């Protein structure tokens, strides 16, 4: 489980990250990232993650398995990312067939690319 300090919890947080943030896609996931340093009222204790795993990924068992795998990868990445990032990860249908290692590889790659985009826009 991700600690509460590393979770996006409200629809407003998800919406802000998706609308205002930068987006990068890979084979299995789409990553939206938003730099919260411009939001003075936001005090974050670490990067916050939100997951979107729709029915297009598969039935309930497959969606939950995919969510668990993505959460596990997010826990590993939490210490490597800056505390000022809000990240929404949307699982694509191929993520249901991907192994944990493939999901981690795609997610790391997408996060590197989206961070470069955030740095350029700053």
N, C-alpha and C. Protein backbone atom coordinates (compact mmCIF):
# COMPACT_ATOMS: atom_id res chain seq x y z
N UNK A 1 0.83 -1.19 0.00
CA UNK A 1 0.00 0.00 0.00
C UNK A 1 0.87 1.25 0.00
N UNK A 2 0.41 2.23 -0.73
CA UNK A 2 1.08 3.53 -0.71
C UNK A 2 0.66 4.28 0.54
N UNK A 3 1.57 4.97 1.19
CA UNK A 3 1.18 5.81 2.34
C UNK A 3 0.25 6.93 1.86
N UNK A 4 -0.59 7.40 2.74
CA UNK A 4 -1.54 8.46 2.42
C UNK A 4 -0.82 9.70 1.88
N UNK A 5 0.37 9.98 2.38
CA UNK A 5 1.11 11.16 1.94
C UNK A 5 1.55 11.04 0.47
N UNK A 6 1.49 9.84 -0.09
CA UNK A 6 1.89 9.63 -1.48
C UNK A 6 0.71 9.32 -2.39
N UNK A 7 -0.50 9.69 -1.96
CA UNK A 7 -1.69 9.41 -2.76
C UNK A 7 -2.41 10.69 -3.15
N UNK A 8 -2.89 10.73 -4.37
CA UNK A 8 -3.86 11.75 -4.76
C UNK A 8 -5.20 11.23 -4.28
N UNK A 9 -5.93 12.05 -3.54
CA UNK A 9 -7.13 11.52 -2.90
C UNK A 9 -8.44 12.12 -3.41
N UNK A 10 -8.40 13.29 -4.00
CA UNK A 10 -9.66 13.91 -4.40
C UNK A 10 -9.75 14.03 -5.92
N UNK A 11 -10.97 14.06 -6.43
CA UNK A 11 -11.15 14.26 -7.87
C UNK A 11 -10.54 15.57 -8.36
N UNK A 12 -10.50 16.58 -7.49
CA UNK A 12 -9.91 17.87 -7.85
C UNK A 12 -8.42 17.71 -8.12
N UNK A 13 -7.75 16.92 -7.31
CA UNK A 13 -6.31 16.70 -7.50
C UNK A 13 -6.05 15.95 -8.81
N UNK A 14 -6.86 14.94 -9.10
CA UNK A 14 -6.73 14.21 -10.36
C UNK A 14 -6.96 15.14 -11.54
N UNK A 15 -8.04 15.92 -11.47
CA UNK A 15 -8.41 16.82 -12.55
C UNK A 15 -7.31 17.85 -12.81
N UNK A 16 -6.78 18.44 -11.74
CA UNK A 16 -5.72 19.45 -11.89
C UNK A 16 -4.49 18.84 -12.54
N UNK A 17 -4.11 17.66 -12.12
CA UNK A 17 -2.92 17.01 -12.67
C UNK A 17 -3.11 16.68 -14.15
N UNK A 18 -4.28 16.20 -14.51
CA UNK A 18 -4.53 15.83 -15.91
C UNK A 18 -4.67 17.06 -16.79
N UNK A 19 -5.37 18.08 -16.32
CA UNK A 19 -5.61 19.28 -17.15
C UNK A 19 -4.39 20.18 -17.26
N UNK A 20 -3.69 20.42 -16.15
CA UNK A 20 -2.59 21.39 -16.14
C UNK A 20 -1.22 20.76 -16.34
N UNK A 21 -1.12 19.46 -16.11
CA UNK A 21 0.18 18.80 -16.17
C UNK A 21 0.61 18.44 -17.58
N UNK A 22 1.76 17.83 -17.66
CA UNK A 22 2.32 17.35 -18.93
C UNK A 22 2.02 15.86 -19.06
N UNK A 23 1.87 15.40 -20.31
CA UNK A 23 1.49 14.02 -20.56
C UNK A 23 2.51 13.33 -21.46
N UNK A 24 2.80 12.07 -21.12
CA UNK A 24 3.67 11.23 -21.93
C UNK A 24 3.09 9.83 -21.93
N UNK A 25 3.11 9.18 -23.08
CA UNK A 25 2.58 7.84 -23.17
C UNK A 25 3.66 6.82 -23.46
N UNK A 26 3.36 5.59 -23.12
CA UNK A 26 4.22 4.45 -23.46
C UNK A 26 3.29 3.33 -23.93
N UNK A 27 3.84 2.16 -24.10
CA UNK A 27 3.05 1.03 -24.59
C UNK A 27 1.97 0.62 -23.59
N UNK A 28 2.25 0.69 -22.30
CA UNK A 28 1.32 0.19 -21.30
C UNK A 28 0.65 1.26 -20.44
N UNK A 29 1.23 2.45 -20.37
CA UNK A 29 0.67 3.49 -19.49
C UNK A 29 0.76 4.88 -20.14
N UNK A 30 -0.10 5.77 -19.65
CA UNK A 30 0.01 7.19 -19.96
C UNK A 30 0.25 7.89 -18.62
N UNK A 31 1.27 8.74 -18.57
CA UNK A 31 1.64 9.41 -17.33
C UNK A 31 1.37 10.91 -17.47
N UNK A 32 0.61 11.43 -16.52
CA UNK A 32 0.37 12.88 -16.42
C UNK A 32 1.11 13.35 -15.18
N UNK A 33 1.91 14.39 -15.30
CA UNK A 33 2.66 14.91 -14.15
C UNK A 33 2.45 16.42 -14.05
N UNK A 34 2.29 16.88 -12.83
CA UNK A 34 2.08 18.30 -12.55
C UNK A 34 3.03 18.73 -11.45
N UNK A 35 3.74 19.83 -11.70
CA UNK A 35 4.68 20.38 -10.72
C UNK A 35 3.91 21.30 -9.78
N UNK A 36 3.85 20.96 -8.51
CA UNK A 36 3.04 21.72 -7.55
C UNK A 36 3.78 22.89 -6.91
N UNK A 37 5.02 23.18 -7.32
CA UNK A 37 5.75 24.28 -6.69
C UNK A 37 5.07 25.62 -6.94
N UNK A 38 4.30 25.74 -8.02
CA UNK A 38 3.62 27.00 -8.30
C UNK A 38 2.37 27.18 -7.45
N UNK A 39 1.92 26.13 -6.80
CA UNK A 39 0.74 26.20 -5.95
C UNK A 39 1.19 26.46 -4.52
N UNK A 40 1.06 27.69 -4.06
CA UNK A 40 1.57 28.08 -2.75
C UNK A 40 0.87 27.35 -1.61
N UNK A 41 -0.43 27.04 -1.79
CA UNK A 41 -1.18 26.42 -0.70
C UNK A 41 -0.92 24.92 -0.57
N UNK A 42 -0.27 24.33 -1.56
CA UNK A 42 -0.01 22.90 -1.51
C UNK A 42 1.30 22.61 -0.80
N UNK A 43 1.22 21.85 0.27
CA UNK A 43 2.40 21.40 0.98
C UNK A 43 2.43 19.89 0.83
N UNK A 44 3.41 19.39 0.09
CA UNK A 44 3.47 17.96 -0.13
C UNK A 44 4.67 17.37 0.59
N UNK A 45 4.49 16.15 1.05
CA UNK A 45 5.55 15.47 1.77
C UNK A 45 6.26 14.45 0.88
N UNK A 46 5.89 14.41 -0.35
CA UNK A 46 6.51 13.49 -1.28
C UNK A 46 5.72 13.47 -2.57
N UNK A 47 6.21 12.82 -3.58
CA UNK A 47 5.42 12.75 -4.81
C UNK A 47 4.11 12.02 -4.52
N UNK A 48 3.04 12.50 -5.13
CA UNK A 48 1.73 11.86 -4.92
C UNK A 48 1.30 11.19 -6.22
N UNK A 49 0.78 9.98 -6.10
CA UNK A 49 0.39 9.18 -7.24
C UNK A 49 -1.11 8.94 -7.23
N UNK A 50 -1.68 8.87 -8.43
CA UNK A 50 -3.06 8.45 -8.61
C UNK A 50 -3.11 7.47 -9.76
N UNK A 51 -3.94 6.47 -9.65
CA UNK A 51 -4.05 5.46 -10.69
C UNK A 51 -5.43 5.48 -11.32
N UNK A 52 -5.46 5.28 -12.63
CA UNK A 52 -6.71 5.14 -13.36
C UNK A 52 -6.59 3.84 -14.15
N UNK A 53 -7.40 2.85 -13.77
CA UNK A 53 -7.40 1.56 -14.45
C UNK A 53 -8.84 1.27 -14.85
N UNK A 54 -9.17 1.53 -16.10
CA UNK A 54 -10.55 1.42 -16.56
C UNK A 54 -10.92 0.00 -16.96
N UNK A 55 -12.19 -0.20 -17.27
CA UNK A 55 -12.67 -1.51 -17.68
C UNK A 55 -12.07 -1.97 -19.00
N UNK A 56 -11.51 -1.05 -19.75
CA UNK A 56 -10.85 -1.41 -21.01
C UNK A 56 -9.63 -2.30 -20.77
N UNK A 57 -9.07 -2.24 -19.56
CA UNK A 57 -7.91 -3.05 -19.22
C UNK A 57 -8.31 -4.51 -19.05
N UNK A 58 -9.49 -4.77 -18.53
CA UNK A 58 -9.94 -6.15 -18.33
C UNK A 58 -10.99 -6.23 -17.24
N UNK A 59 -11.29 -7.46 -16.84
CA UNK A 59 -12.29 -7.64 -15.79
C UNK A 59 -11.72 -7.20 -14.44
N UNK A 60 -12.53 -7.33 -13.40
CA UNK A 60 -12.13 -6.81 -12.08
C UNK A 60 -10.84 -7.44 -11.56
N UNK A 61 -10.68 -8.73 -11.76
CA UNK A 61 -9.48 -9.41 -11.28
C UNK A 61 -8.24 -8.86 -11.96
N UNK A 62 -8.31 -8.67 -13.26
CA UNK A 62 -7.17 -8.15 -14.02
C UNK A 62 -6.89 -6.69 -13.66
N UNK A 63 -7.95 -5.90 -13.50
CA UNK A 63 -7.77 -4.49 -13.12
C UNK A 63 -7.11 -4.37 -11.76
N UNK A 64 -7.53 -5.16 -10.79
CA UNK A 64 -6.94 -5.10 -9.46
C UNK A 64 -5.49 -5.58 -9.47
N UNK A 65 -5.21 -6.61 -10.24
CA UNK A 65 -3.82 -7.10 -10.34
C UNK A 65 -2.94 -6.01 -10.96
N UNK A 66 -3.44 -5.36 -12.00
CA UNK A 66 -2.69 -4.29 -12.65
C UNK A 66 -2.48 -3.12 -11.68
N UNK A 67 -3.51 -2.77 -10.93
CA UNK A 67 -3.39 -1.69 -9.93
C UNK A 67 -2.34 -2.03 -8.87
N UNK A 68 -2.37 -3.27 -8.37
CA UNK A 68 -1.39 -3.68 -7.36
C UNK A 68 0.02 -3.57 -7.90
N UNK A 69 0.22 -4.03 -9.13
CA UNK A 69 1.56 -3.96 -9.73
C UNK A 69 2.02 -2.51 -9.88
N UNK A 70 1.12 -1.65 -10.34
CA UNK A 70 1.48 -0.24 -10.52
C UNK A 70 1.76 0.43 -9.18
N UNK A 71 0.97 0.12 -8.16
CA UNK A 71 1.22 0.68 -6.82
C UNK A 71 2.58 0.26 -6.30
N UNK A 72 2.94 -0.99 -6.52
CA UNK A 72 4.23 -1.49 -6.07
C UNK A 72 5.37 -0.73 -6.75
N UNK A 73 5.23 -0.48 -8.04
CA UNK A 73 6.25 0.29 -8.78
C UNK A 73 6.30 1.72 -8.25
N UNK A 74 5.13 2.30 -7.98
CA UNK A 74 5.09 3.67 -7.45
C UNK A 74 5.79 3.77 -6.11
N UNK A 75 5.63 2.76 -5.25
CA UNK A 75 6.32 2.76 -3.96
C UNK A 75 7.82 2.77 -4.15
N UNK A 76 8.31 2.02 -5.12
CA UNK A 76 9.74 1.98 -5.39
C UNK A 76 10.25 3.31 -5.93
N UNK A 77 9.40 4.01 -6.70
CA UNK A 77 9.80 5.27 -7.32
C UNK A 77 9.66 6.48 -6.39
N UNK A 78 8.90 6.34 -5.34
CA UNK A 78 8.59 7.49 -4.47
C UNK A 78 9.84 8.16 -3.93
N UNK A 79 10.86 7.38 -3.59
CA UNK A 79 12.09 7.96 -3.03
C UNK A 79 12.97 8.60 -4.09
N UNK A 80 12.75 8.26 -5.35
CA UNK A 80 13.60 8.75 -6.44
C UNK A 80 13.06 10.03 -7.09
N UNK A 81 11.82 10.38 -6.80
CA UNK A 81 11.18 11.53 -7.46
C UNK A 81 11.13 12.72 -6.52
N UNK A 82 11.11 13.94 -7.09
CA UNK A 82 11.00 15.13 -6.24
C UNK A 82 9.64 15.19 -5.53
N UNK A 83 9.63 15.80 -4.38
CA UNK A 83 8.41 15.86 -3.56
C UNK A 83 7.32 16.74 -4.15
N UNK A 84 7.64 17.56 -5.12
CA UNK A 84 6.67 18.52 -5.64
C UNK A 84 5.89 18.00 -6.85
N UNK A 85 5.91 16.70 -7.11
CA UNK A 85 5.20 16.16 -8.27
C UNK A 85 3.90 15.47 -7.88
N UNK A 86 2.86 15.76 -8.64
CA UNK A 86 1.62 14.98 -8.61
C UNK A 86 1.59 14.20 -9.91
N UNK A 87 1.35 12.90 -9.82
CA UNK A 87 1.43 12.03 -10.97
C UNK A 87 0.17 11.19 -11.07
N UNK A 88 -0.46 11.19 -12.24
CA UNK A 88 -1.59 10.31 -12.52
C UNK A 88 -1.13 9.32 -13.57
N UNK A 89 -1.32 8.04 -13.28
CA UNK A 89 -0.92 6.98 -14.20
C UNK A 89 -2.19 6.31 -14.71
N UNK A 90 -2.39 6.35 -16.01
CA UNK A 90 -3.55 5.70 -16.64
C UNK A 90 -3.06 4.44 -17.34
N UNK A 91 -3.59 3.31 -16.90
CA UNK A 91 -3.20 2.02 -17.48
C UNK A 91 -3.92 1.84 -18.82
N UNK A 92 -3.18 1.40 -19.81
CA UNK A 92 -3.73 1.09 -21.13
C UNK A 92 -4.01 -0.41 -21.21
N UNK A 93 -4.87 -0.85 -22.13
CA UNK A 93 -5.19 -2.27 -22.22
C UNK A 93 -3.99 -3.22 -22.28
N UNK A 94 -2.89 -2.90 -22.96
CA UNK A 94 -1.75 -3.83 -22.95
C UNK A 94 -1.12 -4.04 -21.57
N UNK A 95 -1.42 -3.17 -20.61
CA UNK A 95 -0.86 -3.33 -19.27
C UNK A 95 -1.37 -4.59 -18.59
N UNK A 96 -2.52 -5.10 -19.02
CA UNK A 96 -3.06 -6.31 -18.41
C UNK A 96 -2.19 -7.53 -18.71
N UNK A 97 -1.49 -7.52 -19.83
CA UNK A 97 -0.64 -8.64 -20.22
C UNK A 97 0.82 -8.44 -19.84
N UNK A 98 1.16 -7.25 -19.37
CA UNK A 98 2.56 -6.92 -19.06
C UNK A 98 2.96 -7.47 -17.69
N UNK A 99 4.22 -7.85 -17.60
CA UNK A 99 4.75 -8.28 -16.31
C UNK A 99 5.07 -7.05 -15.46
N UNK A 100 5.34 -7.28 -14.19
CA UNK A 100 5.71 -6.17 -13.31
C UNK A 100 6.96 -5.46 -13.80
N UNK A 101 7.92 -6.24 -14.30
CA UNK A 101 9.17 -5.65 -14.80
C UNK A 101 8.90 -4.76 -16.02
N UNK A 102 8.02 -5.20 -16.90
CA UNK A 102 7.69 -4.39 -18.08
C UNK A 102 6.96 -3.12 -17.68
N UNK A 103 6.05 -3.23 -16.72
CA UNK A 103 5.35 -2.04 -16.24
C UNK A 103 6.33 -1.05 -15.61
N UNK A 104 7.26 -1.56 -14.82
CA UNK A 104 8.25 -0.68 -14.19
C UNK A 104 9.11 0.01 -15.24
N UNK A 105 9.55 -0.75 -16.24
CA UNK A 105 10.39 -0.18 -17.30
C UNK A 105 9.63 0.92 -18.06
N UNK A 106 8.38 0.65 -18.44
CA UNK A 106 7.58 1.65 -19.16
C UNK A 106 7.32 2.87 -18.30
N UNK A 107 7.01 2.65 -17.02
CA UNK A 107 6.71 3.77 -16.12
C UNK A 107 7.94 4.63 -15.88
N UNK A 108 9.09 4.01 -15.65
CA UNK A 108 10.33 4.78 -15.45
C UNK A 108 10.66 5.61 -16.70
N UNK A 109 10.52 5.00 -17.86
CA UNK A 109 10.80 5.70 -19.11
C UNK A 109 9.86 6.89 -19.29
N UNK A 110 8.59 6.66 -19.06
CA UNK A 110 7.60 7.73 -19.21
C UNK A 110 7.85 8.86 -18.20
N UNK A 111 8.20 8.49 -16.97
CA UNK A 111 8.47 9.52 -15.96
C UNK A 111 9.70 10.35 -16.32
N UNK A 112 10.73 9.73 -16.86
CA UNK A 112 11.91 10.49 -17.28
C UNK A 112 11.53 11.50 -18.36
N UNK A 113 10.74 11.04 -19.33
CA UNK A 113 10.37 11.94 -20.43
C UNK A 113 9.45 13.06 -19.96
N UNK A 114 8.52 12.77 -19.07
CA UNK A 114 7.61 13.81 -18.60
C UNK A 114 8.34 14.81 -17.72
N UNK A 115 9.33 14.36 -16.95
CA UNK A 115 10.12 15.30 -16.13
C UNK A 115 10.92 16.24 -17.01
N UNK A 116 11.44 15.74 -18.13
CA UNK A 116 12.14 16.61 -19.08
C UNK A 116 11.20 17.67 -19.63
N UNK A 117 9.96 17.27 -19.95
CA UNK A 117 8.98 18.22 -20.44
C UNK A 117 8.66 19.28 -19.38
N UNK A 118 8.56 18.87 -18.14
CA UNK A 118 8.28 19.82 -17.06
C UNK A 118 9.42 20.81 -16.88
N UNK A 119 10.66 20.32 -17.00
CA UNK A 119 11.82 21.19 -16.86
C UNK A 119 11.88 22.22 -17.98
N UNK A 120 11.53 21.82 -19.19
CA UNK A 120 11.54 22.75 -20.33
C UNK A 120 10.48 23.82 -20.18
N UNK A 121 9.33 23.46 -19.61
CA UNK A 121 8.24 24.44 -19.50
C UNK A 121 8.43 25.39 -18.33
N UNK A 122 9.36 25.09 -17.41
CA UNK A 122 9.59 25.96 -16.25
C UNK A 122 10.37 27.18 -16.60
